[in-house]
Amino acid sequence: MRSYKTIRNLEDLQAKKLELKVEYTLKQNMLKADSKIYFRQFTLGALIKRYATPSNLFKVDDKLNLSGTAMSLLLPMFMNKTIFRGAGFLTKAAVGLVSGKVGKSLDAEHISAIFNSVKGFFGKKKEKKDKKFIDYGIPPDSETY
């Protein structure tokens, strides 16, 4: 509880009123700044920065094998829609079973290695050989030109 025994006249009252108003605005600004910082940590970008790092994804993947589960679902659909589009029912069923088993065995490290190898295959550029100067024995600044 605050004590207001120091207020004896109108000037003291005005000074105390001004002091309380300054204190009120400072606390208000601090509360706004703290709440902005608090809510900023729960934005989508902050959550992605915190939890979607490769090391965290590998830790989660070691426990739950999320990438293997996702690949066991997505790989059969991808294979049947693209490569085996015109195949029969039995072929699609066999491809679905085999690719589902292969997909479960894949984890995040295998997927990243496959991605890096494919990226490296397409990312390589053929080095152009520099055309070497062919010397025919006649200097370019000779009088025979």
Protein backbone atom coordinates (compact mmCIF):
# COMPACT_ATOMS: atom_id res chain seq x y z
CA MET A 1 0.00 0.00 0.00
CA ARG A 2 1.28 3.43 -0.82
CA SER A 3 1.52 6.13 1.73
CA TYR A 4 0.54 9.63 0.76
CA LYS A 5 1.51 11.34 4.04
CA THR A 6 4.05 13.52 2.26
CA ILE A 7 1.31 15.41 0.41
CA ARG A 8 0.68 18.62 2.34
CA ASN A 9 -0.45 21.08 -0.29
CA LEU A 10 -1.61 21.40 -3.89
CA GLU A 11 1.92 21.45 -5.36
CA ASP A 12 2.80 18.18 -3.60
CA LEU A 13 -0.40 16.66 -4.94
CA GLN A 14 0.39 17.75 -8.53
CA ALA A 15 3.98 16.43 -8.19
CA LYS A 16 2.72 13.08 -6.87
CA LYS A 17 0.15 12.89 -9.67
CA LEU A 18 2.84 13.52 -12.27
CA GLU A 19 5.13 10.95 -10.63
CA LEU A 20 2.39 8.31 -10.68
CA LYS A 21 1.59 9.10 -14.32
CA VAL A 22 5.25 8.68 -15.33
CA GLU A 23 5.45 5.43 -13.38
CA TYR A 24 2.23 4.23 -15.04
CA THR A 25 3.47 4.97 -18.57
CA LEU A 26 6.85 3.31 -17.90
CA LYS A 27 5.17 0.15 -16.63
CA GLN A 28 2.77 0.22 -19.59
CA ASN A 29 5.62 0.47 -22.09
CA MET A 30 7.57 -2.29 -20.35
CA LEU A 31 4.50 -4.54 -20.36
CA LYS A 32 3.90 -3.90 -24.08
CA ALA A 33 7.53 -4.64 -24.94
CA ASP A 34 7.56 -7.82 -22.84
CA SER A 35 4.32 -9.04 -24.36
CA LYS A 36 5.64 -8.41 -27.90
CA ILE A 37 8.77 -10.44 -27.11
CA TYR A 38 6.65 -13.20 -25.55
CA PHE A 39 4.27 -13.47 -28.52
CA ARG A 40 7.10 -13.16 -31.06
CA GLN A 41 8.56 -16.45 -29.83
CA PHE A 42 5.37 -18.26 -30.89
CA THR A 43 5.24 -17.01 -34.47
CA LEU A 44 5.61 -19.51 -37.29
CA GLY A 45 9.09 -18.31 -38.21
CA ALA A 46 10.38 -18.55 -34.65
CA LEU A 47 8.96 -22.03 -34.21
CA ILE A 48 10.55 -23.18 -37.46
CA LYS A 49 13.91 -21.71 -36.46
CA ARG A 50 13.74 -23.41 -33.08
CA TYR A 51 12.38 -26.85 -33.93
CA ALA A 52 13.07 -27.46 -37.62
CA THR A 53 16.84 -27.54 -37.46
CA PRO A 54 18.48 -30.60 -39.04
CA SER A 55 19.82 -31.87 -35.71
CA ASN A 56 16.35 -31.70 -34.13
CA LEU A 57 14.77 -33.41 -37.11
CA PHE A 58 17.33 -36.22 -36.92
CA LYS A 59 16.65 -36.63 -33.17
CA VAL A 60 12.91 -36.83 -33.72
CA ASP A 61 13.43 -39.12 -36.67
CA ASP A 62 15.58 -41.50 -34.63
CA LYS A 63 12.78 -41.86 -32.09
CA LEU A 64 9.70 -41.95 -34.31
CA ASN A 65 11.06 -42.63 -37.82
CA LEU A 66 8.76 -40.01 -39.31
CA SER A 67 10.59 -39.94 -42.61
CA GLY A 68 10.30 -43.72 -42.98
CA THR A 69 6.58 -43.63 -42.27
CA ALA A 70 6.05 -40.79 -44.72
CA MET A 71 8.10 -42.51 -47.41
CA SER A 72 6.25 -45.81 -46.90
CA LEU A 73 3.04 -43.93 -47.71
CA LEU A 74 4.26 -41.59 -50.44
CA LEU A 75 6.63 -43.85 -52.35
CA PRO A 76 3.99 -46.42 -53.47
CA MET A 77 1.66 -43.64 -54.60
CA PHE A 78 4.46 -41.93 -56.51
CA MET A 79 5.60 -45.14 -58.18
CA ASN A 80 2.08 -46.17 -59.20
CA LYS A 81 1.18 -42.72 -60.54
CA THR A 82 4.35 -42.16 -62.56
CA ILE A 83 6.38 -45.23 -63.50
CA PHE A 84 3.69 -47.94 -63.34
CA ARG A 85 0.82 -45.85 -64.68
CA GLY A 86 -0.41 -48.34 -67.26
CA ALA A 87 0.37 -51.47 -65.23
CA GLY A 88 -2.26 -53.92 -64.04
CA PHE A 89 -3.70 -54.38 -60.58
CA LEU A 90 -1.31 -57.14 -59.52
CA THR A 91 1.75 -55.22 -60.66
CA LYS A 92 0.61 -52.10 -58.82
CA ALA A 93 -0.10 -54.13 -55.68
CA ALA A 94 3.35 -55.74 -55.80
CA VAL A 95 5.04 -52.38 -56.39
CA GLY A 96 3.05 -50.92 -53.51
CA LEU A 97 4.15 -53.66 -51.11
CA VAL A 98 7.81 -53.54 -52.13
CA SER A 99 8.09 -49.75 -52.18
CA GLY A 100 6.25 -49.55 -48.84
CA LYS A 101 8.84 -51.88 -47.27
CA VAL A 102 11.69 -49.93 -48.86
CA GLY A 103 10.14 -46.66 -47.67
CA LYS A 104 10.01 -47.86 -44.06
CA SER A 105 13.71 -48.64 -44.12
CA LEU A 106 14.58 -45.10 -45.21
CA ASP A 107 15.39 -42.60 -42.49
CA ALA A 108 16.35 -38.93 -42.61
CA GLU A 109 20.04 -39.64 -43.18
CA HIS A 110 19.33 -41.88 -46.18
CA ILE A 111 16.91 -39.38 -47.68
CA SER A 112 19.37 -36.50 -47.27
CA ALA A 113 22.16 -38.62 -48.81
CA ILE A 114 19.95 -39.50 -51.79
CA PHE A 115 18.97 -35.86 -52.20
CA ASN A 116 22.59 -34.72 -52.07
CA SER A 117 23.68 -37.32 -54.61
CA VAL A 118 20.89 -36.35 -57.04
CA LYS A 119 21.67 -32.68 -56.49
CA GLY A 120 25.36 -33.36 -57.11
CA PHE A 121 24.56 -35.28 -60.29
CA PHE A 122 22.53 -32.43 -61.76
CA GLY A 123 24.66 -29.69 -60.25
CA LYS A 124 27.89 -30.71 -61.92
CA LYS A 125 28.80 -28.57 -64.85
CA LYS A 126 31.15 -29.73 -67.50
CA GLU A 127 34.33 -27.79 -67.37
CA LYS A 128 35.10 -26.11 -70.63
CA LYS A 129 38.59 -26.69 -71.83
CA ASP A 130 40.45 -23.53 -72.59
CA LYS A 131 41.48 -23.30 -76.20
CA LYS A 132 45.20 -23.38 -76.25
CA PHE A 133 47.16 -21.18 -78.57
CA ILE A 134 48.45 -23.20 -81.46
CA ASP A 135 51.90 -22.15 -82.49
CA TYR A 136 52.54 -22.50 -86.19
CA GLY A 137 56.08 -21.22 -85.94
CA ILE A 138 55.44 -17.75 -87.38
CA PRO A 139 55.37 -14.98 -84.80
CA PRO A 140 52.32 -12.72 -85.10
CA ASP A 141 54.34 -9.49 -85.36
CA SER A 142 56.67 -10.71 -88.06
CA GLU A 143 56.87 -9.06 -91.50
CA THR A 144 55.55 -12.14 -93.28
CA TYR A 145 51.94 -11.36 -92.36
